[in-house]
Amino acid sequence: MAYILGLPLLLLILIGALVILLHFLPTFVAGSRQVKNFWWIFLVNLFFGWTLVGWVVALLWALRDTPRFAYR
């Protein structure tokens, strides 16, 4: 079994995948809600999501933005 930094390689891959999924959570929320500013939220998340402030801004924007289609 291959080890990097004392951890099994498979564990490092799983941790990396989880970190990427959490990093792009605001983008996934915006996509699932089909908000109007999806691409802007994606860009803010991509370039500023590594800072906690940028990630929170993108998440709040994704949650508060108006969906493309109104729900009844």
PDB file of N, CA and C in Angstrom:
ATOM      1  N   MET A   1       0.849  -1.175   0.000  1.00  0.00           N
ATOM      2  CA  MET A   1       0.000   0.000   0.000  1.00  0.00           C
ATOM      3  C   MET A   1       0.896   1.241   0.000  1.00  0.00           C
ATOM      4  N   ALA A   2       0.521   2.212  -0.815  1.00  0.00           N
ATOM      5  CA  ALA A   2       1.309   3.443  -0.925  1.00  0.00           C
ATOM      6  C   ALA A   2       0.921   4.423   0.184  1.00  0.00           C
ATOM      7  N   TYR A   3       1.928   5.067   0.742  1.00  0.00           N
ATOM      8  CA  TYR A   3       1.716   6.043   1.807  1.00  0.00           C
ATOM      9  C   TYR A   3       2.341   7.379   1.403  1.00  0.00           C
ATOM     10  N   ILE A   4       1.629   8.448   1.678  1.00  0.00           N
ATOM     11  CA  ILE A   4       2.147   9.803   1.493  1.00  0.00           C
ATOM     12  C   ILE A   4       1.860  10.555   2.781  1.00  0.00           C
ATOM     13  N   LEU A   5       2.873  11.166   3.341  1.00  0.00           N
ATOM     14  CA  LEU A   5       2.761  11.881   4.616  1.00  0.00           C
ATOM     15  C   LEU A   5       2.264  10.980   5.735  1.00  0.00           C
ATOM     16  N   GLY A   6       2.557   9.702   5.644  1.00  0.00           N
ATOM     17  CA  GLY A   6       2.168   8.768   6.675  1.00  0.00           C
ATOM     18  C   GLY A   6       0.730   8.299   6.597  1.00  0.00           C
ATOM     19  N   LEU A   7      -0.009   8.726   5.563  1.00  0.00           N
ATOM     20  CA  LEU A   7      -1.404   8.315   5.408  1.00  0.00           C
ATOM     21  C   LEU A   7      -1.547   7.492   4.132  1.00  0.00           C
ATOM     22  N   PRO A   8      -2.461   6.541   4.123  1.00  0.00           N
ATOM     23  CA  PRO A   8      -2.691   5.769   2.903  1.00  0.00           C
ATOM     24  C   PRO A   8      -3.165   6.684   1.766  1.00  0.00           C
ATOM     25  N   LEU A   9      -2.747   6.360   0.557  1.00  0.00           N
ATOM     26  CA  LEU A   9      -3.074   7.177  -0.606  1.00  0.00           C
ATOM     27  C   LEU A   9      -4.579   7.300  -0.811  1.00  0.00           C
ATOM     28  N   LEU A  10      -5.313   6.211  -0.622  1.00  0.00           N
ATOM     29  CA  LEU A  10      -6.766   6.248  -0.795  1.00  0.00           C
ATOM     30  C   LEU A  10      -7.425   7.220   0.176  1.00  0.00           C
ATOM     31  N   LEU A  11      -6.953   7.261   1.404  1.00  0.00           N
ATOM     32  CA  LEU A  11      -7.500   8.198   2.389  1.00  0.00           C
ATOM     33  C   LEU A  11      -7.230   9.639   1.971  1.00  0.00           C
ATOM     34  N   LEU A  12      -6.050   9.908   1.455  1.00  0.00           N
ATOM     35  CA  LEU A  12      -5.738  11.261   0.984  1.00  0.00           C
ATOM     36  C   LEU A  12      -6.615  11.665  -0.193  1.00  0.00           C
ATOM     37  N   ILE A  13      -6.901  10.728  -1.083  1.00  0.00           N
ATOM     38  CA  ILE A  13      -7.779  11.018  -2.222  1.00  0.00           C
ATOM     39  C   ILE A  13      -9.194  11.317  -1.738  1.00  0.00           C
ATOM     40  N   LEU A  14      -9.682  10.556  -0.780  1.00  0.00           N
ATOM     41  CA  LEU A  14     -11.028  10.793  -0.242  1.00  0.00           C
ATOM     42  C   LEU A  14     -11.113  12.132   0.486  1.00  0.00           C
ATOM     43  N   ILE A  15     -10.091  12.467   1.245  1.00  0.00           N
ATOM     44  CA  ILE A  15     -10.069  13.758   1.940  1.00  0.00           C
ATOM     45  C   ILE A  15     -10.024  14.894   0.923  1.00  0.00           C
ATOM     46  N   GLY A  16      -9.227  14.750  -0.124  1.00  0.00           N
ATOM     47  CA  GLY A  16      -9.152  15.772  -1.171  1.00  0.00           C
ATOM     48  C   GLY A  16     -10.480  15.961  -1.880  1.00  0.00           C
ATOM     49  N   ALA A  17     -11.178  14.859  -2.169  1.00  0.00           N
ATOM     50  CA  ALA A  17     -12.484  14.956  -2.816  1.00  0.00           C
ATOM     51  C   ALA A  17     -13.491  15.658  -1.914  1.00  0.00           C
ATOM     52  N   LEU A  18     -13.455  15.362  -0.628  1.00  0.00           N
ATOM     53  CA  LEU A  18     -14.357  16.008   0.319  1.00  0.00           C
ATOM     54  C   LEU A  18     -14.075  17.505   0.421  1.00  0.00           C
ATOM     55  N   VAL A  19     -12.808  17.877   0.432  1.00  0.00           N
ATOM     56  CA  VAL A  19     -12.436  19.295   0.493  1.00  0.00           C
ATOM     57  C   VAL A  19     -12.924  20.029  -0.758  1.00  0.00           C
ATOM     58  N   ILE A  20     -12.779  19.417  -1.917  1.00  0.00           N
ATOM     59  CA  ILE A  20     -13.236  20.049  -3.165  1.00  0.00           C
ATOM     60  C   ILE A  20     -14.755  20.192  -3.166  1.00  0.00           C
ATOM     61  N   LEU A  21     -15.462  19.161  -2.706  1.00  0.00           N
ATOM     62  CA  LEU A  21     -16.924  19.246  -2.643  1.00  0.00           C
ATOM     63  C   LEU A  21     -17.379  20.348  -1.695  1.00  0.00           C
ATOM     64  N   LEU A  22     -16.743  20.461  -0.544  1.00  0.00           N
ATOM     65  CA  LEU A  22     -17.110  21.522   0.402  1.00  0.00           C
ATOM     66  C   LEU A  22     -16.747  22.902  -0.140  1.00  0.00           C
ATOM     67  N   HIS A  23     -15.624  22.989  -0.841  1.00  0.00           N
ATOM     68  CA  HIS A  23     -15.207  24.277  -1.398  1.00  0.00           C
ATOM     69  C   HIS A  23     -16.234  24.789  -2.406  1.00  0.00           C
ATOM     70  N   PHE A  24     -16.766  23.896  -3.225  1.00  0.00           N
ATOM     71  CA  PHE A  24     -17.716  24.311  -4.256  1.00  0.00           C
ATOM     72  C   PHE A  24     -19.173  24.150  -3.833  1.00  0.00           C
ATOM     73  N   LEU A  25     -19.432  24.021  -2.545  1.00  0.00           N
ATOM     74  CA  LEU A  25     -20.805  23.924  -2.046  1.00  0.00           C
ATOM     75  C   LEU A  25     -21.667  25.115  -2.478  1.00  0.00           C
ATOM     76  N   PRO A  26     -21.198  26.370  -2.400  1.00  0.00           N
ATOM     77  CA  PRO A  26     -22.032  27.478  -2.875  1.00  0.00           C
ATOM     78  C   PRO A  26     -22.409  27.352  -4.361  1.00  0.00           C
ATOM     79  N   THR A  27     -21.506  26.840  -5.170  1.00  0.00           N
ATOM     80  CA  THR A  27     -21.805  26.655  -6.591  1.00  0.00           C
ATOM     81  C   THR A  27     -22.854  25.569  -6.778  1.00  0.00           C
ATOM     82  N   PHE A  28     -22.762  24.482  -6.004  1.00  0.00           N
ATOM     83  CA  PHE A  28     -23.756  23.420  -6.105  1.00  0.00           C
ATOM     84  C   PHE A  28     -25.128  23.908  -5.638  1.00  0.00           C
ATOM     85  N   VAL A  29     -25.153  24.722  -4.592  1.00  0.00           N
ATOM     86  CA  VAL A  29     -26.429  25.279  -4.109  1.00  0.00           C
ATOM     87  C   VAL A  29     -27.036  26.194  -5.170  1.00  0.00           C
ATOM     88  N   ALA A  30     -26.216  27.053  -5.760  1.00  0.00           N
ATOM     89  CA  ALA A  30     -26.711  27.958  -6.807  1.00  0.00           C
ATOM     90  C   ALA A  30     -27.215  27.180  -8.016  1.00  0.00           C
ATOM     91  N   GLY A  31     -26.531  26.120  -8.383  1.00  0.00           N
ATOM     92  CA  GLY A  31     -26.962  25.310  -9.518  1.00  0.00           C
ATOM     93  C   GLY A  31     -28.252  24.563  -9.238  1.00  0.00           C
ATOM     94  N   SER A  32     -28.392  24.038  -8.044  1.00  0.00           N
ATOM     95  CA  SER A  32     -29.611  23.302  -7.719  1.00  0.00           C
ATOM     96  C   SER A  32     -30.817  24.231  -7.593  1.00  0.00           C
ATOM     97  N   ARG A  33     -30.577  25.471  -7.166  1.00  0.00           N
ATOM     98  CA  ARG A  33     -31.674  26.446  -7.069  1.00  0.00           C
ATOM     99  C   ARG A  33     -31.916  27.160  -8.389  1.00  0.00           C
ATOM    100  N   GLN A  34     -31.037  26.988  -9.361  1.00  0.00           N
ATOM    101  CA  GLN A  34     -31.119  27.626 -10.670  1.00  0.00           C
ATOM    102  C   GLN A  34     -31.261  29.144 -10.537  1.00  0.00           C
ATOM    103  N   VAL A  35     -30.324  29.735  -9.809  1.00  0.00           N
ATOM    104  CA  VAL A  35     -30.373  31.173  -9.585  1.00  0.00           C
ATOM    105  C   VAL A  35     -29.901  31.933 -10.825  1.00  0.00           C
ATOM    106  N   LYS A  36     -30.289  33.191 -10.899  1.00  0.00           N
ATOM    107  CA  LYS A  36     -29.976  34.008 -12.070  1.00  0.00           C
ATOM    108  C   LYS A  36     -28.477  34.303 -12.190  1.00  0.00           C
ATOM    109  N   ASN A  37     -27.803  34.468 -11.078  1.00  0.00           N
ATOM    110  CA  ASN A  37     -26.383  34.849 -11.092  1.00  0.00           C
ATOM    111  C   ASN A  37     -25.466  33.657 -10.861  1.00  0.00           C
ATOM    112  N   PHE A  38     -25.819  32.508 -11.440  1.00  0.00           N
ATOM    113  CA  PHE A  38     -25.040  31.294 -11.204  1.00  0.00           C
ATOM    114  C   PHE A  38     -23.584  31.482 -11.576  1.00  0.00           C
ATOM    115  N   TRP A  39     -23.270  32.025 -12.741  1.00  0.00           N
ATOM    116  CA  TRP A  39     -21.882  32.139 -13.203  1.00  0.00           C
ATOM    117  C   TRP A  39     -21.085  33.117 -12.355  1.00  0.00           C
ATOM    118  N   TRP A  40     -21.722  34.187 -11.872  1.00  0.00           N
ATOM    119  CA  TRP A  40     -21.015  35.119 -10.988  1.00  0.00           C
ATOM    120  C   TRP A  40     -20.703  34.460  -9.658  1.00  0.00           C
ATOM    121  N   ILE A  41     -21.641  33.684  -9.143  1.00  0.00           N
ATOM    122  CA  ILE A  41     -21.410  32.966  -7.889  1.00  0.00           C
ATOM    123  C   ILE A  41     -20.279  31.958  -8.074  1.00  0.00           C
ATOM    124  N   PHE A  42     -20.283  31.265  -9.218  1.00  0.00           N
ATOM    125  CA  PHE A  42     -19.208  30.318  -9.501  1.00  0.00           C
ATOM    126  C   PHE A  42     -17.849  31.011  -9.539  1.00  0.00           C
ATOM    127  N   LEU A  43     -17.776  32.171 -10.200  1.00  0.00           N
ATOM    128  CA  LEU A  43     -16.502  32.882 -10.298  1.00  0.00           C
ATOM    129  C   LEU A  43     -16.025  33.405  -8.941  1.00  0.00           C
ATOM    130  N   VAL A  44     -16.947  33.931  -8.143  1.00  0.00           N
ATOM    131  CA  VAL A  44     -16.569  34.380  -6.791  1.00  0.00           C
ATOM    132  C   VAL A  44     -16.069  33.195  -5.974  1.00  0.00           C
ATOM    133  N   ASN A  45     -16.768  32.077  -6.086  1.00  0.00           N
ATOM    134  CA  ASN A  45     -16.369  30.881  -5.355  1.00  0.00           C
ATOM    135  C   ASN A  45     -15.022  30.360  -5.850  1.00  0.00           C
ATOM    136  N   LEU A  46     -14.792  30.392  -7.139  1.00  0.00           N
ATOM    137  CA  LEU A  46     -13.547  29.885  -7.709  1.00  0.00           C
ATOM    138  C   LEU A  46     -12.347  30.722  -7.284  1.00  0.00           C
ATOM    139  N   PHE A  47     -12.479  32.055  -7.378  1.00  0.00           N
ATOM    140  CA  PHE A  47     -11.330  32.917  -7.134  1.00  0.00           C
ATOM    141  C   PHE A  47     -11.176  33.369  -5.679  1.00  0.00           C
ATOM    142  N   PHE A  48     -12.283  33.476  -4.944  1.00  0.00           N
ATOM    143  CA  PHE A  48     -12.213  33.974  -3.576  1.00  0.00           C
ATOM    144  C   PHE A  48     -12.705  32.970  -2.542  1.00  0.00           C
ATOM    145  N   GLY A  49     -13.143  31.794  -2.986  1.00  0.00           N
ATOM    146  CA  GLY A  49     -13.672  30.792  -2.076  1.00  0.00           C
ATOM    147  C   GLY A  49     -12.628  30.210  -1.138  1.00  0.00           C
ATOM    148  N   TRP A  50     -11.365  30.341  -1.477  1.00  0.00           N
ATOM    149  CA  TRP A  50     -10.310  29.817  -0.607  1.00  0.00           C
ATOM    150  C   TRP A  50     -10.179  30.641   0.662  1.00  0.00           C
ATOM    151  N   THR A  51     -10.706  31.880   0.634  1.00  0.00           N
ATOM    152  CA  THR A  51     -10.775  32.663   1.865  1.00  0.00           C
ATOM    153  C   THR A  51     -12.134  32.378   2.498  1.00  0.00           C
ATOM    154  N   LEU A  52     -12.207  32.401   3.770  1.00  0.00           N
ATOM    155  CA  LEU A  52     -13.476  32.124   4.442  1.00  0.00           C
ATOM    156  C   LEU A  52     -14.524  33.175   4.089  1.00  0.00           C
ATOM    157  N   VAL A  53     -14.093  34.426   3.968  1.00  0.00           N
ATOM    158  CA  VAL A  53     -15.036  35.506   3.647  1.00  0.00           C
ATOM    159  C   VAL A  53     -15.625  35.302   2.256  1.00  0.00           C
ATOM    160  N   GLY A  54     -14.790  34.979   1.273  1.00  0.00           N
ATOM    161  CA  GLY A  54     -15.283  34.754  -0.088  1.00  0.00           C
ATOM    162  C   GLY A  54     -16.230  33.576  -0.170  1.00  0.00           C
ATOM    163  N   TRP A  55     -15.929  32.518   0.590  1.00  0.00           N
ATOM    164  CA  TRP A  55     -16.785  31.343   0.581  1.00  0.00           C
ATOM    165  C   TRP A  55     -18.151  31.662   1.202  1.00  0.00           C
ATOM    166  N   VAL A  56     -18.153  32.384   2.314  1.00  0.00           N
ATOM    167  CA  VAL A  56     -19.422  32.744   2.973  1.00  0.00           C
ATOM    168  C   VAL A  56     -20.231  33.684   2.086  1.00  0.00           C
ATOM    169  N   VAL A  57     -19.576  34.648   1.440  1.00  0.00           N
ATOM    170  CA  VAL A  57     -20.280  35.560   0.534  1.00  0.00           C
ATOM    171  C   VAL A  57     -20.933  34.777  -0.604  1.00  0.00           C
ATOM    172  N   ALA A  58     -20.204  33.846  -1.204  1.00  0.00           N
ATOM    173  CA  ALA A  58     -20.759  33.048  -2.300  1.00  0.00           C
ATOM    174  C   ALA A  58     -21.920  32.184  -1.815  1.00  0.00           C
ATOM    175  N   LEU A  59     -21.796  31.605  -0.627  1.00  0.00           N
ATOM    176  CA  LEU A  59     -22.876  30.768  -0.107  1.00  0.00           C
ATOM    177  C   LEU A  59     -24.124  31.590   0.191  1.00  0.00           C
ATOM    178  N   LEU A  60     -23.948  32.733   0.852  1.00  0.00           N
ATOM    179  CA  LEU A  60     -25.113  33.579   1.140  1.00  0.00           C
ATOM    180  C   LEU A  60     -25.754  34.099  -0.136  1.00  0.00           C
ATOM    181  N   TRP A  61     -24.951  34.448  -1.119  1.00  0.00           N
ATOM    182  CA  TRP A  61     -25.470  34.918  -2.395  1.00  0.00           C
ATOM    183  C   TRP A  61     -26.258  33.795  -3.076  1.00  0.00           C
ATOM    184  N   ALA A  62     -25.751  32.588  -3.033  1.00  0.00           N
ATOM    185  CA  ALA A  62     -26.442  31.458  -3.646  1.00  0.00           C
ATOM    186  C   ALA A  62     -27.767  31.171  -2.948  1.00  0.00           C
ATOM    187  N   LEU A  63     -27.806  31.370  -1.635  1.00  0.00           N
ATOM    188  CA  LEU A  63     -29.030  31.098  -0.887  1.00  0.00           C
ATOM    189  C   LEU A  63     -30.063  32.202  -1.018  1.00  0.00           C
ATOM    190  N   ARG A  64     -29.598  33.444  -1.200  1.00  0.00           N
ATOM    191  CA  ARG A  64     -30.529  34.576  -1.213  1.00  0.00           C
ATOM    192  C   ARG A  64     -30.916  35.043  -2.618  1.00  0.00           C
ATOM    193  N   ASP A  65     -30.197  34.620  -3.642  1.00  0.00           N
ATOM    194  CA  ASP A  65     -30.488  35.067  -4.999  1.00  0.00           C
ATOM    195  C   ASP A  65     -31.827  34.495  -5.471  1.00  0.00           C
ATOM    196  N   THR A  66     -32.469  35.216  -6.368  1.00  0.00           N
ATOM    197  CA  THR A  66     -33.765  34.808  -6.891  1.00  0.00           C
ATOM    198  C   THR A  66     -33.595  33.667  -7.889  1.00  0.00           C
ATOM    199  N   PRO A  67     -34.360  32.585  -7.723  1.00  0.00           N
ATOM    200  CA  PRO A  67     -34.295  31.499  -8.713  1.00  0.00           C
ATOM    201  C   PRO A  67     -34.788  31.977 -10.083  1.00  0.00           C
ATOM    202  N   ARG A  68     -34.331  31.322 -11.119  1.00  0.00           N
ATOM    203  CA  ARG A  68     -34.723  31.678 -12.473  1.00  0.00           C
ATOM    204  C   ARG A  68     -36.226  31.553 -12.677  1.00  0.00           C
ATOM    205  N   PHE A  69     -36.803  30.547 -12.071  1.00  0.00           N
ATOM    206  CA  PHE A  69     -38.235  30.287 -12.214  1.00  0.00           C
ATOM    207  C   PHE A  69     -38.898  30.450 -10.859  1.00  0.00           C
ATOM    208  N   ALA A  70     -40.000  31.177 -10.831  1.00  0.00           N
ATOM    209  CA  ALA A  70     -40.716  31.400  -9.570  1.00  0.00           C
ATOM    210  C   ALA A  70     -41.475  30.135  -9.180  1.00  0.00           C
ATOM    211  N   TYR A  71     -41.440  29.817  -7.901  1.00  0.00           N
ATOM    212  CA  TYR A  71     -42.175  28.665  -7.403  1.00  0.00           C
ATOM    213  C   TYR A  71     -43.555  29.111  -6.947  1.00  0.00           C
ATOM    214  N   ARG A  72     -44.524  28.248  -7.137  1.00  0.00           N
ATOM    215  CA  ARG A  72     -45.885  28.550  -6.688  1.00  0.00           C
ATOM    216  C   ARG A  72     -46.240  27.750  -5.481  1.00  0.00           C
TER     217      ARG A  72
END
